[in-house]
Protein backbone atom coordinates (compact mmCIF):
# COMPACT_ATOMS: atom_id res chain seq x y z
CA UNK A 1 4.57 -16.56 -17.08
CA UNK A 2 6.35 -17.21 -14.28
CA UNK A 3 5.98 -13.99 -11.71
CA UNK A 4 7.27 -13.49 -8.07
CA UNK A 5 4.88 -11.64 -5.96
CA UNK A 6 7.50 -10.19 -3.05
CA UNK A 7 4.80 -9.54 -0.04
CA UNK A 8 2.40 -11.77 -1.73
CA UNK A 9 0.71 -13.22 1.44
CA UNK A 10 -0.15 -9.77 2.22
CA UNK A 11 -3.37 -7.98 1.13
CA UNK A 12 -2.15 -6.54 -1.65
CA UNK A 13 0.09 -8.57 -2.62
CA UNK A 14 -2.52 -11.71 -2.44
CA UNK A 15 -4.87 -10.26 -4.66
CA UNK A 16 -2.28 -9.15 -7.25
CA UNK A 17 -1.39 -13.59 -6.97
CA UNK A 18 -5.21 -13.19 -7.59
CA UNK A 19 -5.62 -11.79 -10.42
CA UNK A 20 -1.75 -12.94 -12.34
CA UNK A 21 -4.02 -16.52 -11.99
CA UNK A 22 -6.84 -15.05 -13.34
CA UNK A 23 -4.91 -13.71 -16.43
CA UNK A 24 -3.28 -17.10 -17.20
CA UNK A 25 0.19 -16.54 -15.34
CA UNK A 26 1.94 -18.75 -12.62
CA UNK A 27 2.35 -16.52 -9.76
CA UNK A 28 4.93 -17.79 -6.97
CA UNK A 29 4.67 -16.01 -3.63
CA UNK A 30 7.82 -15.35 -1.82
CA UNK A 31 7.36 -14.75 2.17
CA UNK A 32 8.91 -15.37 5.10
CA UNK A 33 5.28 -17.60 6.02
CA UNK A 34 4.89 -19.59 2.94
CA UNK A 35 1.37 -21.27 2.56
CA UNK A 36 1.38 -24.29 1.58
CA UNK A 37 -1.93 -23.76 -0.50
CA UNK A 38 -0.08 -21.75 -2.74
CA UNK A 39 2.71 -22.35 -5.21
CA UNK A 40 5.61 -20.43 -2.73
CA UNK A 41 9.07 -20.02 -1.88
CA UNK A 42 10.11 -19.27 1.32
CA UNK A 43 12.67 -16.22 1.67
CA UNK A 44 13.12 -13.02 3.40
CA UNK A 45 13.63 -9.42 1.44
CA UNK A 46 16.12 -8.55 3.72
CA UNK A 47 18.51 -11.54 2.57
CA UNK A 48 20.05 -10.94 -0.44
CA UNK A 49 20.50 -14.30 -1.15
CA UNK A 50 16.88 -15.58 -0.81
CA UNK A 51 15.85 -12.67 -3.74
CA UNK A 52 18.12 -13.72 -6.16
CA UNK A 53 17.55 -17.50 -5.12
CA UNK A 54 14.05 -16.72 -6.17
CA UNK A 55 13.92 -14.33 -8.78
CA UNK A 56 16.48 -16.48 -11.19
CA UNK A 57 13.34 -19.55 -11.24
CA UNK A 58 10.98 -16.57 -13.01
CA UNK A 59 10.63 -14.62 -15.58
CA UNK A 60 8.74 -11.21 -14.45
CA UNK A 61 8.43 -10.09 -11.22
CA UNK A 62 5.60 -7.59 -8.81
CA UNK A 63 7.32 -6.54 -5.82
CA UNK A 64 4.52 -5.87 -3.01
CA UNK A 65 6.53 -6.75 -0.63
CA UNK A 66 6.91 -4.02 2.10
CA UNK A 67 6.51 -3.33 6.22
CA UNK A 68 3.45 -1.57 6.49
CA UNK A 69 2.72 0.17 9.97
CA UNK A 70 2.75 3.42 11.51
CA UNK A 71 5.18 2.46 14.19
CA UNK A 72 7.41 0.06 14.66
CA UNK A 73 9.84 -0.29 18.14
CA UNK A 74 12.65 -0.75 16.06
CA UNK A 75 12.39 1.84 13.38
CA UNK A 76 15.51 0.37 11.16
CA UNK A 77 12.92 -2.27 10.17
CA UNK A 78 11.06 -0.02 7.70
CA UNK A 79 14.91 0.71 6.01
CA UNK A 80 15.63 -3.06 6.11
CA UNK A 81 12.39 -4.12 4.55
CA UNK A 82 11.53 -0.85 2.00
CA UNK A 83 14.40 0.09 1.12
CA UNK A 84 17.96 -2.63 1.24
CA UNK A 85 14.68 -5.30 0.35
CA UNK A 86 13.77 -3.78 -2.90
CA UNK A 87 17.49 -2.54 -3.93
CA UNK A 88 17.82 -6.48 -3.98
CA UNK A 89 15.01 -7.06 -6.08
CA UNK A 90 16.54 -4.54 -8.35
CA UNK A 91 19.75 -6.23 -7.80
CA UNK A 92 19.04 -9.65 -8.62
CA UNK A 93 16.20 -8.30 -11.94
CA UNK A 94 19.19 -6.59 -13.06
CA UNK A 95 21.37 -9.67 -12.72
CA UNK A 96 18.53 -12.16 -14.24
CA UNK A 97 18.03 -9.93 -16.92
CA UNK A 98 14.34 -9.92 -16.02
CA UNK A 99 11.90 -9.28 -18.55
CA UNK A 100 9.61 -7.17 -16.21
CA UNK A 101 9.65 -6.04 -13.23
CA UNK A 102 6.19 -4.21 -11.51
CA UNK A 103 7.36 -2.21 -8.08
CA UNK A 104 4.08 -1.43 -5.91
CA UNK A 105 4.76 2.20 -4.43
CA UNK A 106 2.94 4.31 -1.90
CA UNK A 107 0.77 7.76 -2.60
CA UNK A 108 2.92 8.41 0.16
CA UNK A 109 5.66 8.63 -1.65
CA UNK A 110 4.72 11.26 -3.77
CA UNK A 111 4.25 14.69 -2.37
CA UNK A 112 0.75 15.96 -1.05
CA UNK A 113 -1.53 18.53 -3.09
CA UNK A 114 0.30 21.67 -2.69
CA UNK A 115 3.67 20.50 -1.73
CA UNK A 116 7.03 20.32 -3.92
CA UNK A 117 8.93 17.33 -1.80
CA UNK A 118 7.01 14.29 -0.13
CA UNK A 119 7.17 14.53 3.68
CA UNK A 120 8.99 11.72 5.98
CA UNK A 121 6.36 12.09 9.05
CA UNK A 122 7.35 8.32 9.96
CA UNK A 123 9.74 6.00 9.08
CA UNK A 124 7.24 3.83 6.71
CA UNK A 125 6.63 7.18 4.36
CA UNK A 126 10.42 8.28 4.72
CA UNK A 127 11.83 4.56 3.30
CA UNK A 128 9.00 4.39 0.59
CA UNK A 129 10.35 7.46 -0.43
CA UNK A 130 13.94 6.50 -0.55
CA UNK A 131 12.51 3.17 -2.10
CA UNK A 132 10.64 5.18 -5.01
CA UNK A 133 13.93 7.09 -5.80
CA UNK A 134 16.23 3.71 -6.12
CA UNK A 135 13.33 2.48 -8.34
CA UNK A 136 13.32 5.71 -10.41
CA UNK A 137 17.46 5.55 -10.57
CA UNK A 138 17.15 2.25 -12.16
CA UNK A 139 14.37 3.10 -14.73
CA UNK A 140 16.44 5.36 -16.04
CA UNK A 141 19.72 3.48 -16.30
CA UNK A 142 17.26 0.87 -18.40
CA UNK A 143 15.87 -1.37 -16.38
CA UNK A 144 12.25 -2.79 -17.51
CA UNK A 145 10.04 -1.83 -14.25
CA UNK A 146 6.90 0.06 -13.99
CA UNK A 147 6.02 1.49 -11.06
CA UNK A 148 2.29 1.69 -9.78
CA UNK A 149 1.30 4.03 -7.19
CA UNK A 150 -2.03 2.92 -5.18
CA UNK A 151 -4.29 5.37 -2.96
CA UNK A 152 -6.03 4.29 -0.06
CA UNK A 153 -6.14 0.05 -0.51
CA UNK A 154 -9.30 -1.28 0.48
CA UNK A 155 -12.08 -3.87 -0.14
CA UNK A 156 -12.70 -6.71 1.91
CA UNK A 157 -11.06 -8.88 4.10
CA UNK A 158 -9.51 -8.16 7.35
CA UNK A 159 -9.06 -4.73 9.16
CA UNK A 160 -5.70 -4.72 9.32
CA UNK A 161 -2.89 -1.72 8.77
CA UNK A 162 -2.61 -2.60 4.80
CA UNK A 163 -7.01 -2.26 4.91
CA UNK A 164 -7.03 0.75 6.57
CA UNK A 165 -10.93 1.64 5.53
CA UNK A 166 -11.61 -1.56 7.22
CA UNK A 167 -9.82 -0.87 10.10
CA UNK A 168 -11.22 2.41 10.54
CA UNK A 169 -14.78 1.79 9.41
CA UNK A 170 -14.47 -1.53 11.59
CA UNK A 171 -13.01 0.51 14.89
CA UNK A 172 -16.22 3.18 14.35
CA UNK A 173 -19.25 0.33 14.16
CA UNK A 174 -17.90 -0.99 17.25
CA UNK A 175 -17.12 2.34 19.15
CA UNK A 176 -13.31 1.75 19.49
CA UNK A 177 -12.81 5.34 17.25
CA UNK A 178 -12.81 8.17 19.54
CA UNK A 179 -12.75 10.52 16.16
CA UNK A 180 -10.96 11.01 13.71
CA UNK A 181 -8.09 13.96 12.13
CA UNK A 182 -8.62 15.81 8.75
CA UNK A 183 -11.82 15.08 8.21
CA UNK A 184 -12.21 17.13 5.34
CA UNK A 185 -8.70 16.37 3.69
CA UNK A 186 -8.21 14.53 0.42
CA UNK A 187 -7.90 10.61 0.02
CA UNK A 188 -7.64 8.91 -2.82
CA UNK A 189 -9.80 5.58 -2.13
CA UNK A 190 -8.72 2.47 -4.67
CA UNK A 191 -10.36 -0.54 -4.70
CA UNK A 192 -8.13 -3.52 -3.97
CA UNK A 193 -8.99 -5.21 -7.04
CA UNK A 194 -8.81 -2.81 -9.49
CA UNK A 195 -5.38 -2.17 -8.33
CA UNK A 196 -4.27 -5.36 -8.66
CA UNK A 197 -5.38 -5.86 -11.94
CA UNK A 198 -3.83 -2.88 -13.17
CA UNK A 199 -0.59 -4.51 -11.91
CA UNK A 200 -1.11 -7.16 -14.06
CA UNK A 201 -2.19 -5.09 -17.57
CA UNK A 202 1.51 -3.05 -16.66
CA UNK A 203 3.12 -6.19 -16.82
CA UNK A 204 0.95 -7.60 -19.79
CA UNK A 205 0.53 -4.76 -21.99
CA UNK A 206 4.14 -3.09 -21.55
CA UNK A 207 2.69 -0.32 -20.78
CA UNK A 208 4.49 3.04 -22.58
CA UNK A 209 5.39 5.07 -18.71
CA UNK A 210 7.63 3.62 -16.25
CA UNK A 211 5.06 5.00 -13.58
CA UNK A 212 1.23 4.55 -13.13
CA UNK A 213 -0.74 6.92 -10.53
CA UNK A 214 -3.68 3.95 -9.56
CA UNK A 215 -6.06 5.83 -7.41
CA UNK A 216 -9.77 6.34 -7.06
CA UNK A 217 -12.18 8.74 -6.28
CA UNK A 218 -11.00 11.20 -4.57
CA UNK A 219 -13.00 12.00 -1.71
CA UNK A 220 -13.16 14.13 1.91
CA UNK A 221 -12.36 11.07 4.83
CA UNK A 222 -15.45 11.77 6.10
CA UNK A 223 -17.69 10.72 2.81
CA UNK A 224 -16.70 7.14 4.56
CA UNK A 225 -18.39 7.55 7.96
CA UNK A 226 -21.41 9.03 5.59
CA UNK A 227 -21.69 6.26 3.66
CA UNK A 228 -21.61 4.33 6.79
CA UNK A 229 -24.38 6.40 8.63
CA UNK A 230 -26.47 5.99 5.26
CA UNK A 231 -26.03 1.87 5.73
CA UNK A 232 -26.37 1.42 9.73
CA UNK A 233 -27.17 4.44 11.50
CA UNK A 234 -24.83 4.95 13.29
CA UNK A 235 -23.65 8.32 13.94
CA UNK A 236 -20.54 10.48 12.25
CA UNK A 237 -17.78 10.15 14.42
CA UNK A 238 -15.99 13.32 16.06
CA UNK A 239 -13.64 15.97 14.45
CA UNK A 240 -10.52 15.57 16.82
CA UNK A 241 -7.90 18.90 16.83
CA UNK A 242 -4.91 17.86 15.15
CA UNK A 243 -2.66 19.74 17.88
CA UNK A 244 -4.14 17.98 20.73
CA UNK A 245 -3.92 14.08 18.87
CA UNK A 246 -0.48 14.76 18.12
CA UNK A 247 0.33 15.40 21.86
CA UNK A 248 -1.95 12.47 22.67
CA UNK A 249 0.41 10.42 19.86
CA UNK A 250 3.70 11.50 21.33
CA UNK A 251 2.73 10.29 25.04
CA UNK A 252 1.05 6.43 23.15
CA UNK A 253 4.40 6.19 21.25
CA UNK A 254 6.75 7.02 24.59
CA UNK A 255 4.42 4.18 26.21
CA UNK A 256 5.24 1.90 23.32
CA UNK A 257 8.89 2.49 23.87
CA UNK A 258 9.03 1.63 27.62
CA UNK A 259 7.33 -1.68 27.32
CA UNK A 260 3.79 -1.10 26.27
CA UNK A 261 1.57 -2.40 23.02
CA UNK A 262 1.57 -0.60 19.80
CA UNK A 263 0.52 3.15 19.99
CA UNK A 264 -2.92 3.24 18.50
CA UNK A 265 -2.03 7.02 16.66
CA UNK A 266 1.28 8.03 16.19
CA UNK A 267 2.20 12.08 15.83
CA UNK A 268 3.63 11.20 12.10
CA UNK A 269 0.23 9.26 11.65
CA UNK A 270 -1.11 13.06 12.44
CA UNK A 271 0.84 15.02 9.94
CA UNK A 272 -0.23 12.70 7.44
CA UNK A 273 -3.67 13.25 8.35
CA UNK A 274 -3.47 16.57 7.88
CA UNK A 275 -2.91 16.63 4.48
CA UNK A 276 -4.58 16.41 0.76
CA UNK A 277 -3.90 13.40 -0.87
CA UNK A 278 -5.26 12.99 -4.79
CA UNK A 279 -4.39 10.98 -7.05
CA UNK A 280 -4.72 11.47 -10.98
CA UNK A 281 -5.21 8.61 -12.59
CA UNK A 282 -5.87 9.31 -15.98
CA UNK A 283 -2.59 7.96 -17.88
CA UNK A 284 -3.65 4.02 -16.12
CA UNK A 285 -6.96 4.77 -17.95
CA UNK A 286 -5.38 5.22 -21.42
CA UNK A 287 -2.69 2.85 -20.86
CA UNK A 288 -3.60 0.00 -18.87
CA UNK A 289 -7.68 -0.03 -19.46
CA UNK A 290 -7.89 1.02 -15.46
CA UNK A 291 -11.27 1.99 -14.50
CA UNK A 292 -11.14 2.54 -10.61
CA UNK A 293 -14.47 1.68 -8.52
CA UNK A 294 -17.06 4.25 -7.18
CA UNK A 295 -16.51 5.01 -3.79
CA UNK A 296 -19.63 4.39 -2.51
CA UNK A 297 -20.47 0.58 -4.10
CA UNK A 298 -16.44 -0.16 -2.59
CA UNK A 299 -17.75 1.17 0.76
CA UNK A 300 -20.92 -0.46 1.13
CA UNK A 301 -19.64 -3.78 0.00
CA UNK A 302 -16.99 -3.47 2.85
CA UNK A 303 -19.50 -2.98 5.72
CA UNK A 304 -21.24 -5.59 4.03
CA UNK A 305 -18.35 -7.82 5.33
CA UNK A 306 -18.51 -6.13 8.91
CA UNK A 307 -21.85 -5.78 9.75
């Protein structure tokens, strides 16, 4: 099957493309910066024409493209990519009667534990909430779409904003991490290849549900650094008070808006780190054969690439 992968040059999108290839499909990467080494089509999610031209060439779509960042100088960029871009994909899939659309959402688009409504702590989270509602509306209207909701996706690879665990561990090992907020808050850690394989299973199996959590072990954030201490001997990071870091974040955002580099922390990120974000992936296990990796071997594998 020919499968368009939006965001296919990103951290998760490229893993989805590899998983599709392993399972006998023909992935076509949709990217603003095509890679000549893989089948690609140049395009921008913000362009309805680009999206339509790409979708008409394929049998199915994995929409993993998104602007993933804690901050951008122009906050409307999140709306243009995450909301308008998703609308373009949905419209093109309807127009060309695509057999199946797999949409990659985010745990941040769901309410945190103990709350009834999602947060809108920053522009990324706000726009992923809006995009998820667009997709849910499309599914209810009859579009063949399955939403995948990963936890904190992690694994080997560059320590970017799309690979938060590697970034935190790299900063910690290189003494760039001053400390952490929400050390005992719960995250769901999703190994990247497990998540990518689950996307392909949702495509292959014609999964009965329209939405699946693909999380992993629900563990305290500090557990990452406890494993790192066992492996490297590096002491645990300090626990930082949220109210102090929130003030620092607001000042750092102001500095960035006045022409400095991107902020290292934002007040919105601090709000997110003060919540619990567990996921229940039992439906994915039952319907898609999802088998999430345990945290300790995953973190040890990441550390092996950093040390």
